Amino acid sequence: MSDDLNVSVALSIIDEMINLANEKLDKNSKDKNLKKEILANIELINRVFGIGEREPLNYFQIGIDYKKRKIIEDLIEKRAKAKREKDYIRADKIRNELQDMGISIMDTSKGTFWEVLTP
């Protein structure tokens, strides 16, 4: 059975897929369709292999320590407050501040999500 499952081959293919996804994201970090495709692949891998137990969007937050994560989330909350108060100039300044930190934010119907643009 050691060769029948080909676990090492499956893991090497997953590794190649992740490396290719990272290369594509490096070239076009704002491609939302690409991100959806990558997230769908990660979710499939999770369902089939039971690995990758994190929320898929968290994979785009890897490498951020607790202190920086707290700063990012505080800024996102301040931006949400500014938007609720219709202070769009302040909201845009916060978005720019986050972008200067290498963070991209995405507003969705489920809330605001963020990801790392640069390692």
C-alpha atoms as a PDB file:
ATOM      1  CA  MET A   1       0.000   0.000   0.000  1.00  0.00           C
ATOM      2  CA  SER A   2       2.936   2.345   0.417  1.00  0.00           C
ATOM      3  CA  ASP A   3       2.982   3.102  -3.327  1.00  0.00           C
ATOM      4  CA  ASP A   4      -0.705   2.670  -4.084  1.00  0.00           C
ATOM      5  CA  LEU A   5      -1.785   5.933  -2.446  1.00  0.00           C
ATOM      6  CA  ASN A   6       1.029   8.023  -3.941  1.00  0.00           C
ATOM      7  CA  VAL A   7       0.764  10.530  -1.104  1.00  0.00           C
ATOM      8  CA  SER A   8       4.185  11.983  -1.873  1.00  0.00           C
ATOM      9  CA  VAL A   9       3.151  12.575  -5.496  1.00  0.00           C
ATOM     10  CA  ALA A  10      -0.130  14.199  -4.406  1.00  0.00           C
ATOM     11  CA  LEU A  11       1.705  16.499  -1.988  1.00  0.00           C
ATOM     12  CA  SER A  12       4.260  17.460  -4.648  1.00  0.00           C
ATOM     13  CA  ILE A  13       1.429  18.383  -7.034  1.00  0.00           C
ATOM     14  CA  ILE A  14      -0.196  20.515  -4.330  1.00  0.00           C
ATOM     15  CA  ASP A  15       3.160  22.191  -3.726  1.00  0.00           C
ATOM     16  CA  GLU A  16       3.528  22.918  -7.449  1.00  0.00           C
ATOM     17  CA  MET A  17      -0.022  24.321  -7.562  1.00  0.00           C
ATOM     18  CA  ILE A  18       0.694  26.639  -4.632  1.00  0.00           C
ATOM     19  CA  ASN A  19       4.002  27.801  -6.143  1.00  0.00           C
ATOM     20  CA  LEU A  20       2.315  28.494  -9.480  1.00  0.00           C
ATOM     21  CA  ALA A  21      -0.523  30.338  -7.743  1.00  0.00           C
ATOM     22  CA  ASN A  22       1.995  32.505  -5.882  1.00  0.00           C
ATOM     23  CA  GLU A  23       3.828  33.301  -9.117  1.00  0.00           C
ATOM     24  CA  LYS A  24       0.569  34.294 -10.814  1.00  0.00           C
ATOM     25  CA  LEU A  25      -0.436  36.447  -7.821  1.00  0.00           C
ATOM     26  CA  ASP A  26       2.978  38.148  -7.840  1.00  0.00           C
ATOM     27  CA  LYS A  27       2.392  39.115 -11.468  1.00  0.00           C
ATOM     28  CA  ASN A  28      -1.225  40.234 -11.025  1.00  0.00           C
ATOM     29  CA  SER A  29      -2.125  40.693  -7.352  1.00  0.00           C
ATOM     30  CA  LYS A  30      -5.421  42.437  -8.108  1.00  0.00           C
ATOM     31  CA  ASP A  31      -6.925  39.727 -10.344  1.00  0.00           C
ATOM     32  CA  LYS A  32     -10.100  38.794  -8.463  1.00  0.00           C
ATOM     33  CA  ASN A  33     -10.923  35.894 -10.791  1.00  0.00           C
ATOM     34  CA  LEU A  34      -7.500  34.402 -10.192  1.00  0.00           C
ATOM     35  CA  LYS A  35      -7.986  34.729  -6.442  1.00  0.00           C
ATOM     36  CA  LYS A  36     -11.378  33.021  -6.664  1.00  0.00           C
ATOM     37  CA  GLU A  37      -9.829  30.183  -8.665  1.00  0.00           C
ATOM     38  CA  ILE A  38      -7.012  29.754  -6.144  1.00  0.00           C
ATOM     39  CA  LEU A  39      -9.441  29.816  -3.224  1.00  0.00           C
ATOM     40  CA  ALA A  40     -11.601  27.198  -4.933  1.00  0.00           C
ATOM     41  CA  ASN A  41      -8.530  24.992  -5.418  1.00  0.00           C
ATOM     42  CA  ILE A  42      -7.531  25.379  -1.768  1.00  0.00           C
ATOM     43  CA  GLU A  43     -11.068  24.498  -0.679  1.00  0.00           C
ATOM     44  CA  LEU A  44     -11.014  21.399  -2.918  1.00  0.00           C
ATOM     45  CA  ILE A  45      -7.683  20.292  -1.471  1.00  0.00           C
ATOM     46  CA  ASN A  46      -9.109  20.766   2.012  1.00  0.00           C
ATOM     47  CA  ARG A  47     -12.205  18.680   1.231  1.00  0.00           C
ATOM     48  CA  VAL A  48     -10.309  15.893  -0.512  1.00  0.00           C
ATOM     49  CA  PHE A  49      -7.236  15.627   1.716  1.00  0.00           C
ATOM     50  CA  GLY A  50      -8.431  17.178   4.962  1.00  0.00           C
ATOM     51  CA  ILE A  51      -5.482  19.574   5.020  1.00  0.00           C
ATOM     52  CA  GLY A  52      -5.611  23.316   5.054  1.00  0.00           C
ATOM     53  CA  GLU A  53      -8.116  23.580   7.872  1.00  0.00           C
ATOM     54  CA  ARG A  54      -7.978  27.373   7.925  1.00  0.00           C
ATOM     55  CA  GLU A  55     -10.517  29.690   6.398  1.00  0.00           C
ATOM     56  CA  PRO A  56      -9.171  29.997   2.816  1.00  0.00           C
ATOM     57  CA  LEU A  57      -8.779  33.784   2.973  1.00  0.00           C
ATOM     58  CA  ASN A  58      -6.418  33.364   5.932  1.00  0.00           C
ATOM     59  CA  TYR A  59      -3.861  31.875   3.573  1.00  0.00           C
ATOM     60  CA  PHE A  60      -3.441  35.348   2.097  1.00  0.00           C
ATOM     61  CA  GLN A  61      -2.608  36.647   5.597  1.00  0.00           C
ATOM     62  CA  ILE A  62       0.304  34.307   6.299  1.00  0.00           C
ATOM     63  CA  GLY A  63       3.404  35.982   7.678  1.00  0.00           C
ATOM     64  CA  ILE A  64       1.601  38.670   9.675  1.00  0.00           C
ATOM     65  CA  ASP A  65       2.341  38.572  13.386  1.00  0.00           C
ATOM     66  CA  TYR A  66      -0.299  39.235  16.050  1.00  0.00           C
ATOM     67  CA  LYS A  67       0.774  42.856  16.643  1.00  0.00           C
ATOM     68  CA  LYS A  68       0.578  43.838  12.962  1.00  0.00           C
ATOM     69  CA  ARG A  69      -2.684  41.860  12.529  1.00  0.00           C
ATOM     70  CA  LYS A  70      -4.197  43.895  15.397  1.00  0.00           C
ATOM     71  CA  ILE A  71      -3.077  47.173  13.784  1.00  0.00           C
ATOM     72  CA  ILE A  72      -4.577  46.122  10.433  1.00  0.00           C
ATOM     73  CA  GLU A  73      -7.875  45.051  11.979  1.00  0.00           C
ATOM     74  CA  ASP A  74      -8.077  48.280  14.018  1.00  0.00           C
ATOM     75  CA  LEU A  75      -7.524  50.339  10.873  1.00  0.00           C
ATOM     76  CA  ILE A  76     -10.203  48.349   9.042  1.00  0.00           C
ATOM     77  CA  GLU A  77     -12.645  49.004  11.886  1.00  0.00           C
ATOM     78  CA  LYS A  78     -11.802  52.745  11.845  1.00  0.00           C
ATOM     79  CA  ARG A  79     -12.367  52.744   8.086  1.00  0.00           C
ATOM     80  CA  ALA A  80     -15.738  51.027   8.519  1.00  0.00           C
ATOM     81  CA  LYS A  81     -16.703  53.652  11.108  1.00  0.00           C
ATOM     82  CA  ALA A  82     -15.637  56.458   8.775  1.00  0.00           C
ATOM     83  CA  LYS A  83     -17.750  54.937   5.994  1.00  0.00           C
ATOM     84  CA  ARG A  84     -20.775  54.619   8.296  1.00  0.00           C
ATOM     85  CA  GLU A  85     -20.323  58.304   9.158  1.00  0.00           C
ATOM     86  CA  LYS A  86     -19.982  59.091   5.431  1.00  0.00           C
ATOM     87  CA  ASP A  87     -16.457  60.419   5.989  1.00  0.00           C
ATOM     88  CA  TYR A  88     -15.178  58.996   2.717  1.00  0.00           C
ATOM     89  CA  ILE A  89     -12.028  61.103   2.683  1.00  0.00           C
ATOM     90  CA  ARG A  90     -10.935  59.517   5.995  1.00  0.00           C
ATOM     91  CA  ALA A  91     -11.956  56.047   4.737  1.00  0.00           C
ATOM     92  CA  ASP A  92      -9.838  56.525   1.602  1.00  0.00           C
ATOM     93  CA  LYS A  93      -6.867  57.708   3.691  1.00  0.00           C
ATOM     94  CA  ILE A  94      -7.090  54.562   5.801  1.00  0.00           C
ATOM     95  CA  ARG A  95      -7.295  52.389   2.675  1.00  0.00           C
ATOM     96  CA  ASN A  96      -4.163  54.144   1.354  1.00  0.00           C
ATOM     97  CA  GLU A  97      -2.415  53.662   4.712  1.00  0.00           C
ATOM     98  CA  LEU A  98      -3.172  49.959   4.576  1.00  0.00           C
ATOM     99  CA  GLN A  99      -1.952  49.772   0.983  1.00  0.00           C
ATOM    100  CA  ASP A 100       1.288  51.490   2.016  1.00  0.00           C
ATOM    101  CA  MET A 101       1.662  48.691   4.603  1.00  0.00           C
ATOM    102  CA  GLY A 102       1.349  46.152   1.773  1.00  0.00           C
ATOM    103  CA  ILE A 103      -2.251  45.260   2.633  1.00  0.00           C
ATOM    104  CA  SER A 104      -5.129  45.080   0.171  1.00  0.00           C
ATOM    105  CA  ILE A 105      -8.696  45.244   1.440  1.00  0.00           C
ATOM    106  CA  MET A 106     -11.807  43.896  -0.217  1.00  0.00           C
ATOM    107  CA  ASP A 107     -15.289  45.029   0.768  1.00  0.00           C
ATOM    108  CA  THR A 108     -17.854  42.251   0.424  1.00  0.00           C
ATOM    109  CA  SER A 109     -21.384  41.601   1.581  1.00  0.00           C
ATOM    110  CA  LYS A 110     -19.848  39.506   4.387  1.00  0.00           C
ATOM    111  CA  GLY A 111     -17.595  42.323   5.555  1.00  0.00           C
ATOM    112  CA  THR A 112     -14.146  43.632   4.743  1.00  0.00           C
ATOM    113  CA  PHE A 113     -11.400  41.097   4.118  1.00  0.00           C
ATOM    114  CA  TRP A 114      -7.705  41.833   3.807  1.00  0.00           C
ATOM    115  CA  GLU A 115      -4.658  40.164   2.334  1.00  0.00           C
ATOM    116  CA  VAL A 116      -0.940  40.712   2.086  1.00  0.00           C
ATOM    117  CA  LEU A 117       0.201  42.140  -1.242  1.00  0.00           C
ATOM    118  CA  THR A 118       3.897  42.025  -0.538  1.00  0.00           C
ATOM    119  CA  PRO A 119       5.798  39.532   1.632  1.00  0.00           C
END
